[in-house]
Amino acid sequence: MKRRCLLLTLASLPLGASRAWAQVVLPANTLEVKVQRVPDSEPSAYEVQATALVRATPQEVWQVLTDYERMHEFVPDMASCKVLSREASAPNAITLEQHGSMHFLFFSQAIDLVVRVVEQPISTIDITLVSGNMKAYSSHWEIRPVLGNKMTGTQISYQGKLTPDFYVPRLFGVSLMRSNIQNMFEAVMVEIEKSIQVKPALKAAPPP
């Protein structure tokens, strides 16, 4: 199965799980992705926004988004994602090494990155570039609980900016980024649903 690096095609979308539930009306399992090329940027820089709504708790979403070393099992075009270190002075700061690829039509490009991840459980994940074949890369994830008329769930928001350090044909650069991000988000949403379905059932209390 093709694998795509989650953190690569991600980027920012700050409300913690402890805050009041937002009163909104949204259908479950929806996804919206927006990508635009930054005007007059050379090389091309892209800004990304994505929002998804899943029928899961913030804790369940957080568990999937931070399961870094298992992401290659469900994220398309991800070959590996390895924790290199955790900072002693900042317990929520992690350095990750990622290897993956991007594909669109006839275009294919390997992606190799080292990134710094800063977590604010169970609310946000911020990612910045350390090294790799990106000139610039930063992203921010946000999760928040939502309450609608027909469901409760969690909104996953993502926003970021990336500038590849390799040639991307301008004709389909935006389509390439959108396709990669949409596929990644859909894979994450499926994994969240699977993780809920396979939860062990609570054992009944023994009779008195």
N, C-alpha and C. Protein backbone atom coordinates (compact mmCIF):
# COMPACT_ATOMS: atom_id res chain seq x y z
N MET A 1 0.84 -1.19 0.00
CA MET A 1 0.00 0.00 0.00
C MET A 1 0.88 1.24 0.00
N LYS A 2 0.53 2.20 -0.82
CA LYS A 2 1.29 3.43 -0.84
C LYS A 2 1.16 4.12 0.51
N ARG A 3 2.24 4.83 0.90
CA ARG A 3 2.26 5.45 2.21
C ARG A 3 2.65 6.91 2.08
N ARG A 4 1.94 7.76 2.78
CA ARG A 4 2.23 9.18 2.74
C ARG A 4 2.49 9.68 4.13
N CYS A 5 3.51 10.51 4.30
CA CYS A 5 3.90 10.95 5.64
C CYS A 5 2.88 11.92 6.19
N LEU A 6 2.31 11.59 7.29
CA LEU A 6 1.28 12.41 7.92
C LEU A 6 1.77 13.81 8.20
N LEU A 7 2.88 13.93 8.87
CA LEU A 7 3.34 15.26 9.28
C LEU A 7 3.80 16.09 8.09
N LEU A 8 4.22 15.43 7.03
CA LEU A 8 4.64 16.16 5.86
C LEU A 8 3.48 16.93 5.25
N THR A 9 2.39 16.25 5.00
CA THR A 9 1.28 16.89 4.30
C THR A 9 0.34 17.58 5.27
N LEU A 10 0.65 17.51 6.51
CA LEU A 10 -0.10 18.28 7.47
C LEU A 10 0.43 19.67 7.55
N ALA A 11 -0.26 20.49 8.18
CA ALA A 11 0.25 21.74 8.67
C ALA A 11 -0.65 22.24 9.77
N SER A 12 -1.79 23.90 10.23
CA SER A 12 -2.28 24.36 11.55
C SER A 12 -3.76 24.46 11.71
N LEU A 13 -4.30 23.91 12.49
CA LEU A 13 -5.71 24.17 12.71
C LEU A 13 -5.95 23.88 14.18
N PRO A 14 -7.21 26.85 18.91
CA PRO A 14 -6.49 26.36 20.10
C PRO A 14 -7.53 26.09 21.14
N LEU A 15 -8.35 25.23 21.02
CA LEU A 15 -9.23 25.02 22.13
C LEU A 15 -8.93 23.67 22.71
N GLY A 16 -8.69 23.58 24.01
CA GLY A 16 -8.38 22.32 24.65
C GLY A 16 -9.61 21.50 24.90
N ALA A 17 -9.39 20.23 25.22
CA ALA A 17 -10.49 19.33 25.48
C ALA A 17 -11.26 19.72 26.73
N SER A 18 -10.64 20.53 27.58
CA SER A 18 -11.30 20.90 28.82
C SER A 18 -12.27 22.06 28.65
N ARG A 19 -12.26 22.71 27.50
CA ARG A 19 -13.13 23.86 27.31
C ARG A 19 -14.57 23.43 27.04
N ALA A 20 -15.47 24.40 27.11
CA ALA A 20 -16.88 24.09 26.92
C ALA A 20 -17.13 23.58 25.50
N TRP A 21 -18.09 22.68 25.38
CA TRP A 21 -18.42 22.12 24.08
C TRP A 21 -19.08 23.19 23.21
N ALA A 22 -18.58 23.35 22.00
CA ALA A 22 -19.14 24.34 21.08
C ALA A 22 -20.51 23.90 20.60
N GLN A 23 -21.41 24.83 20.54
CA GLN A 23 -22.76 24.52 20.08
C GLN A 23 -22.84 24.74 18.57
N VAL A 24 -22.69 23.67 17.81
CA VAL A 24 -22.69 23.76 16.35
C VAL A 24 -23.54 22.63 15.79
N VAL A 25 -23.90 22.77 14.54
CA VAL A 25 -24.65 21.73 13.84
C VAL A 25 -23.83 21.30 12.64
N LEU A 26 -23.21 20.14 12.72
CA LEU A 26 -22.34 19.64 11.66
C LEU A 26 -22.60 18.16 11.43
N PRO A 27 -22.56 17.71 10.18
CA PRO A 27 -22.68 16.28 9.92
C PRO A 27 -21.39 15.57 10.29
N ALA A 28 -21.49 14.29 10.65
CA ALA A 28 -20.31 13.53 11.04
C ALA A 28 -19.45 13.20 9.83
N ASN A 29 -18.16 13.01 10.09
CA ASN A 29 -17.21 12.53 9.10
C ASN A 29 -17.17 13.42 7.85
N THR A 30 -17.09 14.73 8.06
CA THR A 30 -16.96 15.67 6.96
C THR A 30 -15.51 16.12 6.87
N LEU A 31 -15.10 16.54 5.68
CA LEU A 31 -13.72 16.96 5.45
C LEU A 31 -13.72 18.10 4.43
N GLU A 32 -12.97 19.15 4.74
CA GLU A 32 -12.80 20.28 3.82
C GLU A 32 -11.32 20.62 3.74
N VAL A 33 -10.79 20.73 2.52
CA VAL A 33 -9.38 21.01 2.31
C VAL A 33 -9.25 22.21 1.37
N LYS A 34 -8.41 23.19 1.77
CA LYS A 34 -8.15 24.35 0.93
C LYS A 34 -6.64 24.53 0.79
N VAL A 35 -6.18 24.74 -0.45
CA VAL A 35 -4.76 24.95 -0.72
C VAL A 35 -4.62 26.11 -1.68
N GLN A 36 -3.65 26.98 -1.43
CA GLN A 36 -3.37 28.05 -2.38
C GLN A 36 -1.86 28.30 -2.47
N ARG A 37 -1.43 28.67 -3.66
CA ARG A 37 -0.03 29.04 -3.85
C ARG A 37 0.14 30.49 -3.42
N VAL A 38 1.20 30.75 -2.66
CA VAL A 38 1.49 32.12 -2.24
C VAL A 38 1.90 32.93 -3.46
N PRO A 39 1.20 34.01 -3.77
CA PRO A 39 1.50 34.79 -4.98
C PRO A 39 2.94 35.28 -5.01
N ASP A 40 3.56 35.19 -6.20
CA ASP A 40 4.90 35.72 -6.45
C ASP A 40 5.98 35.04 -5.62
N SER A 41 5.71 33.88 -5.05
CA SER A 41 6.73 33.18 -4.26
C SER A 41 7.62 32.36 -5.18
N GLU A 42 8.92 32.49 -5.02
CA GLU A 42 9.90 31.74 -5.81
C GLU A 42 10.97 31.20 -4.87
N PRO A 43 11.12 29.89 -4.70
CA PRO A 43 10.27 28.85 -5.31
C PRO A 43 8.86 28.89 -4.73
N SER A 44 7.97 28.12 -5.30
CA SER A 44 6.57 28.17 -4.91
C SER A 44 6.37 27.77 -3.46
N ALA A 45 5.64 28.61 -2.74
CA ALA A 45 5.23 28.30 -1.38
C ALA A 45 3.72 28.08 -1.38
N TYR A 46 3.27 27.18 -0.51
CA TYR A 46 1.85 26.83 -0.48
C TYR A 46 1.31 26.98 0.94
N GLU A 47 0.10 27.50 1.02
CA GLU A 47 -0.61 27.61 2.29
C GLU A 47 -1.76 26.62 2.28
N VAL A 48 -1.93 25.93 3.39
CA VAL A 48 -2.88 24.83 3.47
C VAL A 48 -3.80 25.03 4.67
N GLN A 49 -5.07 24.74 4.48
CA GLN A 49 -6.04 24.69 5.57
C GLN A 49 -6.91 23.46 5.37
N ALA A 50 -7.18 22.75 6.44
CA ALA A 50 -8.06 21.58 6.37
C ALA A 50 -8.81 21.45 7.68
N THR A 51 -10.06 21.01 7.57
CA THR A 51 -10.90 20.79 8.74
C THR A 51 -11.68 19.51 8.55
N ALA A 52 -11.69 18.68 9.58
CA ALA A 52 -12.45 17.43 9.54
C ALA A 52 -13.26 17.31 10.83
N LEU A 53 -14.38 16.63 10.73
CA LEU A 53 -15.22 16.35 11.90
C LEU A 53 -15.40 14.85 12.00
N VAL A 54 -15.06 14.28 13.14
CA VAL A 54 -15.16 12.84 13.33
C VAL A 54 -16.01 12.54 14.56
N ARG A 55 -16.66 11.39 14.53
CA ARG A 55 -17.50 10.96 15.63
C ARG A 55 -16.62 10.23 16.65
N ALA A 56 -15.81 11.00 17.39
CA ALA A 56 -14.89 10.45 18.38
C ALA A 56 -14.60 11.53 19.41
N THR A 57 -14.06 11.11 20.55
CA THR A 57 -13.70 12.07 21.59
C THR A 57 -12.35 12.71 21.25
N PRO A 58 -12.05 13.88 21.83
CA PRO A 58 -10.72 14.47 21.62
C PRO A 58 -9.60 13.54 22.06
N GLN A 59 -9.82 12.79 23.13
CA GLN A 59 -8.80 11.86 23.60
C GLN A 59 -8.53 10.78 22.56
N GLU A 60 -9.57 10.28 21.91
CA GLU A 60 -9.41 9.24 20.89
C GLU A 60 -8.69 9.79 19.66
N VAL A 61 -9.01 11.03 19.28
CA VAL A 61 -8.34 11.66 18.15
C VAL A 61 -6.86 11.89 18.48
N TRP A 62 -6.60 12.39 19.68
CA TRP A 62 -5.24 12.68 20.11
C TRP A 62 -4.37 11.42 20.07
N GLN A 63 -4.91 10.31 20.48
CA GLN A 63 -4.15 9.07 20.51
C GLN A 63 -3.67 8.67 19.12
N VAL A 64 -4.52 8.87 18.11
CA VAL A 64 -4.14 8.53 16.74
C VAL A 64 -3.13 9.54 16.20
N LEU A 65 -3.36 10.83 16.41
CA LEU A 65 -2.48 11.86 15.85
C LEU A 65 -1.07 11.81 16.44
N THR A 66 -0.92 11.32 17.65
CA THR A 66 0.39 11.30 18.29
C THR A 66 1.02 9.90 18.32
N ASP A 67 0.44 8.97 17.61
CA ASP A 67 1.00 7.62 17.54
C ASP A 67 2.01 7.59 16.39
N TYR A 68 3.07 8.37 16.53
CA TYR A 68 3.96 8.68 15.42
C TYR A 68 4.60 7.44 14.78
N GLU A 69 5.13 6.55 15.58
CA GLU A 69 5.89 5.43 15.03
C GLU A 69 5.02 4.33 14.43
N ARG A 70 3.70 4.48 14.52
CA ARG A 70 2.80 3.52 13.88
C ARG A 70 2.08 4.12 12.69
N MET A 71 2.37 5.37 12.36
CA MET A 71 1.65 6.05 11.29
C MET A 71 1.86 5.40 9.93
N HIS A 72 3.03 4.78 9.73
CA HIS A 72 3.27 4.15 8.44
C HIS A 72 2.31 3.00 8.17
N GLU A 73 1.61 2.54 9.21
CA GLU A 73 0.66 1.44 9.03
C GLU A 73 -0.66 1.89 8.41
N PHE A 74 -0.96 3.19 8.49
CA PHE A 74 -2.26 3.62 7.96
C PHE A 74 -2.19 4.89 7.12
N VAL A 75 -1.08 5.62 7.11
CA VAL A 75 -0.99 6.85 6.32
C VAL A 75 -0.38 6.53 4.96
N PRO A 76 -1.08 6.82 3.87
CA PRO A 76 -0.56 6.52 2.52
C PRO A 76 0.77 7.22 2.25
N ASP A 77 1.66 6.53 1.57
CA ASP A 77 2.94 7.05 1.11
C ASP A 77 3.90 7.42 2.24
N MET A 78 3.68 6.95 3.45
CA MET A 78 4.65 7.12 4.52
C MET A 78 5.45 5.84 4.65
N ALA A 79 6.77 5.96 4.51
CA ALA A 79 7.63 4.79 4.65
C ALA A 79 8.00 4.56 6.11
N SER A 80 8.29 5.64 6.84
CA SER A 80 8.64 5.50 8.25
C SER A 80 8.51 6.86 8.94
N CYS A 81 8.31 6.80 10.23
CA CYS A 81 8.28 8.00 11.07
C CYS A 81 8.82 7.58 12.43
N LYS A 82 10.02 8.06 12.77
CA LYS A 82 10.75 7.58 13.93
C LYS A 82 11.01 8.70 14.93
N VAL A 83 10.78 8.41 16.21
CA VAL A 83 11.11 9.36 17.26
C VAL A 83 12.62 9.31 17.49
N LEU A 84 13.31 10.44 17.24
CA LEU A 84 14.75 10.51 17.46
C LEU A 84 15.09 10.89 18.90
N SER A 85 14.30 11.80 19.48
CA SER A 85 14.60 12.24 20.84
C SER A 85 13.40 12.96 21.44
N ARG A 86 13.41 13.02 22.77
CA ARG A 86 12.47 13.83 23.53
C ARG A 86 13.28 14.75 24.43
N GLU A 87 12.97 16.02 24.42
CA GLU A 87 13.78 17.00 25.13
C GLU A 87 13.53 16.93 26.63
N ALA A 88 14.63 16.80 27.39
CA ALA A 88 14.52 16.71 28.84
C ALA A 88 13.97 18.00 29.45
N SER A 89 14.35 19.13 28.87
CA SER A 89 13.90 20.42 29.41
C SER A 89 12.50 20.79 28.95
N ALA A 90 11.99 20.09 27.93
CA ALA A 90 10.65 20.36 27.41
C ALA A 90 10.01 19.02 27.08
N PRO A 91 9.36 18.38 28.06
CA PRO A 91 8.83 17.03 27.89
C PRO A 91 7.87 16.87 26.72
N ASN A 92 7.22 17.95 26.31
CA ASN A 92 6.26 17.87 25.21
C ASN A 92 6.89 18.13 23.85
N ALA A 93 8.23 18.28 23.81
CA ALA A 93 8.93 18.53 22.54
C ALA A 93 9.60 17.25 22.07
N ILE A 94 9.35 16.90 20.80
CA ILE A 94 9.84 15.64 20.23
C ILE A 94 10.48 15.92 18.89
N THR A 95 11.59 15.24 18.60
CA THR A 95 12.21 15.32 17.28
C THR A 95 11.90 14.04 16.52
N LEU A 96 11.35 14.20 15.31
CA LEU A 96 10.95 13.06 14.48
C LEU A 96 11.72 13.04 13.18
N GLU A 97 12.02 11.84 12.70
CA GLU A 97 12.60 11.64 11.38
C GLU A 97 11.54 10.95 10.51
N GLN A 98 11.27 11.54 9.35
CA GLN A 98 10.21 11.04 8.48
C GLN A 98 10.74 10.75 7.09
N HIS A 99 10.27 9.66 6.52
CA HIS A 99 10.59 9.32 5.13
C HIS A 99 9.29 8.93 4.43
N GLY A 100 9.05 9.56 3.30
CA GLY A 100 7.84 9.26 2.55
C GLY A 100 7.97 9.74 1.13
N SER A 101 6.84 9.99 0.49
CA SER A 101 6.85 10.45 -0.90
C SER A 101 5.55 11.15 -1.23
N MET A 102 5.57 11.91 -2.33
CA MET A 102 4.39 12.58 -2.85
C MET A 102 4.19 12.14 -4.28
N HIS A 103 2.94 11.92 -4.66
CA HIS A 103 2.63 11.45 -6.02
C HIS A 103 1.43 12.20 -6.57
N PHE A 104 1.49 12.52 -7.86
CA PHE A 104 0.33 13.07 -8.56
C PHE A 104 0.58 12.90 -10.04
N LEU A 105 -0.34 12.18 -10.73
CA LEU A 105 -0.19 11.89 -12.15
C LEU A 105 1.17 11.24 -12.38
N PHE A 106 2.01 11.84 -13.22
CA PHE A 106 3.32 11.28 -13.54
C PHE A 106 4.39 11.76 -12.57
N PHE A 107 4.05 12.64 -11.64
CA PHE A 107 5.03 13.24 -10.75
C PHE A 107 5.20 12.40 -9.49
N SER A 108 6.47 12.18 -9.11
CA SER A 108 6.77 11.45 -7.88
C SER A 108 8.01 12.05 -7.24
N GLN A 109 7.97 12.25 -5.93
CA GLN A 109 9.08 12.88 -5.24
C GLN A 109 9.24 12.28 -3.84
N ALA A 110 10.45 11.83 -3.53
CA ALA A 110 10.75 11.35 -2.18
C ALA A 110 10.82 12.55 -1.22
N ILE A 111 10.34 12.33 0.00
CA ILE A 111 10.35 13.37 1.03
C ILE A 111 11.07 12.83 2.25
N ASP A 112 12.12 13.53 2.66
CA ASP A 112 12.90 13.13 3.84
C ASP A 112 13.05 14.34 4.75
N LEU A 113 12.51 14.25 5.95
CA LEU A 113 12.50 15.39 6.86
C LEU A 113 12.87 15.00 8.27
N VAL A 114 13.46 15.94 8.99
CA VAL A 114 13.56 15.89 10.44
C VAL A 114 12.79 17.11 10.96
N VAL A 115 11.83 16.89 11.85
CA VAL A 115 10.98 17.97 12.33
C VAL A 115 10.94 17.97 13.86
N ARG A 116 10.64 19.14 14.41
CA ARG A 116 10.44 19.29 15.86
C ARG A 116 8.96 19.45 16.12
N VAL A 117 8.43 18.62 16.99
CA VAL A 117 7.00 18.61 17.31
C VAL A 117 6.82 19.07 18.76
N VAL A 118 5.93 20.02 18.96
CA VAL A 118 5.61 20.47 20.32
C VAL A 118 4.13 20.22 20.57
N GLU A 119 3.83 19.38 21.56
CA GLU A 119 2.46 19.00 21.88
C GLU A 119 1.91 19.82 23.04
N GLN A 120 0.63 20.14 22.97
CA GLN A 120 -0.11 20.70 24.08
C GLN A 120 -1.35 19.82 24.27
N PRO A 121 -1.20 18.73 25.03
CA PRO A 121 -2.32 17.78 25.18
C PRO A 121 -3.51 18.46 25.87
N ILE A 122 -4.74 18.11 25.55
CA ILE A 122 -5.13 17.39 24.34
C ILE A 122 -5.74 18.46 23.43
N SER A 123 -4.88 19.29 22.86
CA SER A 123 -5.36 20.47 22.19
C SER A 123 -4.66 20.77 20.87
N THR A 124 -3.32 20.97 20.89
CA THR A 124 -2.61 21.39 19.69
C THR A 124 -1.31 20.62 19.50
N ILE A 125 -0.88 20.59 18.24
CA ILE A 125 0.42 20.04 17.85
C ILE A 125 1.05 21.03 16.88
N ASP A 126 2.24 21.52 17.22
CA ASP A 126 2.97 22.45 16.35
C ASP A 126 4.21 21.76 15.81
N ILE A 127 4.46 21.93 14.51
CA ILE A 127 5.55 21.24 13.83
C ILE A 127 6.41 22.26 13.09
N THR A 128 7.73 22.19 13.28
CA THR A 128 8.65 23.07 12.57
C THR A 128 9.78 22.25 11.97
N LEU A 129 10.35 22.76 10.88
CA LEU A 129 11.39 22.06 10.15
C LEU A 129 12.73 22.16 10.86
N VAL A 130 13.45 21.03 10.96
CA VAL A 130 14.83 21.00 11.43
C VAL A 130 15.76 20.86 10.23
N SER A 131 15.49 19.87 9.39
CA SER A 131 16.30 19.65 8.19
C SER A 131 15.51 18.80 7.20
N GLY A 132 16.02 18.72 5.96
CA GLY A 132 15.35 17.90 4.96
C GLY A 132 15.19 18.63 3.65
N ASN A 133 14.42 18.03 2.72
CA ASN A 133 14.28 18.63 1.40
C ASN A 133 13.05 19.52 1.29
N MET A 134 12.90 20.39 2.27
CA MET A 134 11.97 21.51 2.25
C MET A 134 12.76 22.77 2.58
N LYS A 135 12.52 23.85 1.83
CA LYS A 135 13.15 25.13 2.18
C LYS A 135 12.50 25.71 3.43
N ALA A 136 11.21 25.50 3.55
CA ALA A 136 10.47 25.98 4.73
C ALA A 136 9.30 25.06 4.97
N TYR A 137 8.99 24.84 6.23
CA TYR A 137 7.85 23.99 6.58
C TYR A 137 7.43 24.27 8.01
N SER A 138 6.16 24.55 8.21
CA SER A 138 5.62 24.71 9.55
C SER A 138 4.14 24.34 9.50
N SER A 139 3.64 23.82 10.61
CA SER A 139 2.24 23.43 10.65
C SER A 139 1.72 23.45 12.08
N HIS A 140 0.43 23.47 12.19
CA HIS A 140 -0.23 23.52 13.50
C HIS A 140 -1.54 22.75 13.41
N TRP A 141 -1.68 21.76 14.30
CA TRP A 141 -2.93 20.98 14.42
C TRP A 141 -3.68 21.46 15.65
N GLU A 142 -5.00 21.41 15.55
CA GLU A 142 -5.84 21.76 16.70
C GLU A 142 -7.03 20.81 16.74
N ILE A 143 -7.36 20.35 17.92
CA ILE A 143 -8.56 19.53 18.07
C ILE A 143 -9.46 20.17 19.13
N ARG A 144 -10.76 20.06 18.92
CA ARG A 144 -11.69 20.59 19.91
C ARG A 144 -12.99 19.79 19.85
N PRO A 145 -13.61 19.61 21.00
CA PRO A 145 -14.89 18.88 21.03
C PRO A 145 -16.00 19.75 20.47
N VAL A 146 -16.97 19.10 19.85
CA VAL A 146 -18.13 19.80 19.30
C VAL A 146 -19.40 19.05 19.69
N LEU A 147 -20.49 19.79 19.76
CA LEU A 147 -21.79 19.20 20.09
C LEU A 147 -22.80 19.72 19.10
N GLY A 148 -23.42 18.80 18.36
CA GLY A 148 -24.44 19.18 17.40
C GLY A 148 -25.80 18.65 17.82
N ASN A 149 -26.80 18.92 17.00
CA ASN A 149 -28.16 18.46 17.30
C ASN A 149 -28.28 16.95 17.23
N LYS A 150 -27.45 16.32 16.36
CA LYS A 150 -27.59 14.89 16.14
C LYS A 150 -26.35 14.09 16.52
N MET A 151 -25.26 14.76 16.96
CA MET A 151 -24.05 14.03 17.26
C MET A 151 -23.14 14.83 18.17
N THR A 152 -22.23 14.14 18.82
CA THR A 152 -21.09 14.76 19.47
C THR A 152 -19.84 14.18 18.82
N GLY A 153 -18.79 14.95 18.80
CA GLY A 153 -17.58 14.48 18.15
C GLY A 153 -16.44 15.45 18.37
N THR A 154 -15.49 15.44 17.44
CA THR A 154 -14.31 16.28 17.55
C THR A 154 -13.98 16.89 16.21
N GLN A 155 -13.66 18.17 16.23
CA GLN A 155 -13.20 18.86 15.02
C GLN A 155 -11.68 18.86 15.01
N ILE A 156 -11.11 18.43 13.88
CA ILE A 156 -9.66 18.43 13.68
C ILE A 156 -9.35 19.53 12.67
N SER A 157 -8.54 20.49 13.06
CA SER A 157 -8.20 21.60 12.17
C SER A 157 -6.70 21.62 11.93
N TYR A 158 -6.31 22.00 10.73
CA TYR A 158 -4.91 22.00 10.32
C TYR A 158 -4.63 23.18 9.42
N GLN A 159 -3.51 23.85 9.66
CA GLN A 159 -3.15 25.00 8.84
C GLN A 159 -1.63 25.07 8.78
N GLY A 160 -1.09 25.30 7.61
CA GLY A 160 0.36 25.33 7.53
C GLY A 160 0.88 25.96 6.25
N LYS A 161 2.19 26.04 6.18
CA LYS A 161 2.84 26.64 5.02
C LYS A 161 4.09 25.82 4.71
N LEU A 162 4.29 25.47 3.43
CA LEU A 162 5.46 24.72 3.04
C LEU A 162 6.01 25.21 1.72
N THR A 163 7.34 25.17 1.63
CA THR A 163 8.05 25.54 0.41
C THR A 163 8.97 24.40 0.03
N PRO A 164 8.65 23.61 -0.99
CA PRO A 164 9.50 22.47 -1.36
C PRO A 164 10.88 22.92 -1.82
N ASP A 165 11.90 22.12 -1.52
CA ASP A 165 13.26 22.36 -1.98
C ASP A 165 13.53 21.48 -3.19
N PHE A 166 12.50 21.27 -4.00
CA PHE A 166 12.61 20.49 -5.23
C PHE A 166 11.57 21.06 -6.21
N TYR A 167 11.75 20.72 -7.46
CA TYR A 167 10.88 21.28 -8.50
C TYR A 167 9.48 20.68 -8.43
N VAL A 168 8.49 21.53 -8.39
CA VAL A 168 7.09 21.12 -8.49
C VAL A 168 6.47 21.87 -9.66
N PRO A 169 5.99 21.18 -10.69
CA PRO A 169 5.37 21.87 -11.83
C PRO A 169 4.25 22.80 -11.36
N ARG A 170 4.37 24.06 -11.69
CA ARG A 170 3.41 25.04 -11.21
C ARG A 170 2.00 24.73 -11.69
N LEU A 171 1.90 24.07 -12.85
CA LEU A 171 0.58 23.80 -13.43
C LEU A 171 -0.30 23.00 -12.49
N PHE A 172 0.29 22.03 -11.74
CA PHE A 172 -0.57 21.22 -10.87
C PHE A 172 -0.05 21.17 -9.44
N GLY A 173 0.73 22.17 -9.01
CA GLY A 173 1.24 22.19 -7.65
C GLY A 173 0.14 22.21 -6.61
N VAL A 174 -0.87 23.04 -6.81
CA VAL A 174 -1.98 23.14 -5.86
C VAL A 174 -2.75 21.81 -5.81
N SER A 175 -3.00 21.21 -6.97
CA SER A 175 -3.71 19.93 -7.01
C SER A 175 -2.91 18.84 -6.32
N LEU A 176 -1.58 18.85 -6.49
CA LEU A 176 -0.72 17.88 -5.83
C LEU A 176 -0.84 17.98 -4.32
N MET A 177 -0.74 19.20 -3.79
CA MET A 177 -0.82 19.39 -2.34
C MET A 177 -2.19 18.99 -1.82
N ARG A 178 -3.24 19.40 -2.52
CA ARG A 178 -4.60 19.09 -2.07
C ARG A 178 -4.84 17.58 -2.06
N SER A 179 -4.40 16.89 -3.10
CA SER A 179 -4.59 15.45 -3.17
C SER A 179 -3.88 14.74 -2.03
N ASN A 180 -2.63 15.13 -1.75
CA ASN A 180 -1.88 14.50 -0.68
C ASN A 180 -2.53 14.73 0.68
N ILE A 181 -2.95 15.94 0.93
CA ILE A 181 -3.54 16.26 2.23
C ILE A 181 -4.89 15.58 2.41
N GLN A 182 -5.70 15.58 1.36
CA GLN A 182 -7.00 14.93 1.46
C GLN A 182 -6.85 13.43 1.72
N ASN A 183 -5.94 12.78 1.00
CA ASN A 183 -5.72 11.35 1.21
C ASN A 183 -5.23 11.07 2.63
N MET A 184 -4.33 11.92 3.13
CA MET A 184 -3.82 11.75 4.48
C MET A 184 -4.93 11.89 5.51
N PHE A 185 -5.74 12.95 5.37
CA PHE A 185 -6.82 13.18 6.33
C PHE A 185 -7.83 12.04 6.31
N GLU A 186 -8.17 11.58 5.12
CA GLU A 186 -9.12 10.47 5.03
C GLU A 186 -8.59 9.23 5.72
N ALA A 187 -7.29 8.97 5.57
CA ALA A 187 -6.68 7.81 6.23
C ALA A 187 -6.72 7.96 7.75
N VAL A 188 -6.47 9.16 8.23
CA VAL A 188 -6.52 9.42 9.68
C VAL A 188 -7.94 9.22 10.20
N MET A 189 -8.93 9.72 9.47
CA MET A 189 -10.32 9.58 9.90
C MET A 189 -10.72 8.11 9.96
N VAL A 190 -10.28 7.32 8.99
CA VAL A 190 -10.58 5.89 8.99
C VAL A 190 -9.92 5.22 10.19
N GLU A 191 -8.67 5.59 10.48
CA GLU A 191 -7.96 4.98 11.60
C GLU A 191 -8.62 5.34 12.93
N ILE A 192 -9.12 6.55 13.06
CA ILE A 192 -9.82 6.94 14.27
C ILE A 192 -11.06 6.09 14.47
N GLU A 193 -11.82 5.88 13.40
CA GLU A 193 -13.02 5.05 13.50
C GLU A 193 -12.66 3.62 13.85
N LYS A 194 -11.59 3.09 13.25
CA LYS A 194 -11.16 1.72 13.54
C LYS A 194 -10.74 1.58 14.99
N SER A 195 -10.03 2.58 15.51
CA SER A 195 -9.56 2.50 16.89
C SER A 195 -10.72 2.50 17.87
N ILE A 196 -11.82 3.14 17.51
CA ILE A 196 -13.00 3.15 18.37
C ILE A 196 -13.70 1.79 18.32
N GLN A 197 -13.79 1.23 17.12
CA GLN A 197 -14.51 -0.03 16.94
C GLN A 197 -13.82 -1.21 17.63
N VAL A 198 -12.49 -1.17 17.72
CA VAL A 198 -11.77 -2.32 18.29
C VAL A 198 -11.52 -2.17 19.77
N LYS A 199 -12.07 -1.16 20.40
CA LYS A 199 -11.90 -1.02 21.84
C LYS A 199 -12.48 -2.23 22.55
N PRO A 200 -11.78 -2.76 23.53
CA PRO A 200 -12.32 -3.91 24.27
C PRO A 200 -13.56 -3.52 25.04
N ALA A 201 -14.55 -4.40 25.02
CA ALA A 201 -15.79 -4.13 25.73
C ALA A 201 -15.53 -4.20 27.23
N LEU A 202 -16.26 -3.39 27.96
CA LEU A 202 -16.14 -3.41 29.41
C LEU A 202 -16.71 -4.71 29.96
N LYS A 203 -15.99 -5.32 30.86
CA LYS A 203 -16.45 -6.55 31.45
C LYS A 203 -17.55 -6.28 32.49
N ALA A 204 -18.54 -7.13 32.46
CA ALA A 204 -19.63 -6.95 33.42
C ALA A 204 -19.13 -7.28 34.83
N ALA A 205 -19.64 -6.56 35.79
CA ALA A 205 -19.23 -6.80 37.17
C ALA A 205 -19.76 -8.17 37.62
N PRO A 206 -18.96 -8.91 38.40
CA PRO A 206 -19.41 -10.23 38.85
C PRO A 206 -20.60 -10.08 39.77
N PRO A 207 -21.49 -11.04 39.77
CA PRO A 207 -22.68 -10.97 40.63
C PRO A 207 -22.24 -10.95 42.08
N PRO A 208 -23.00 -10.26 42.92
CA PRO A 208 -22.65 -10.19 44.35
C PRO A 208 -22.77 -11.57 45.01
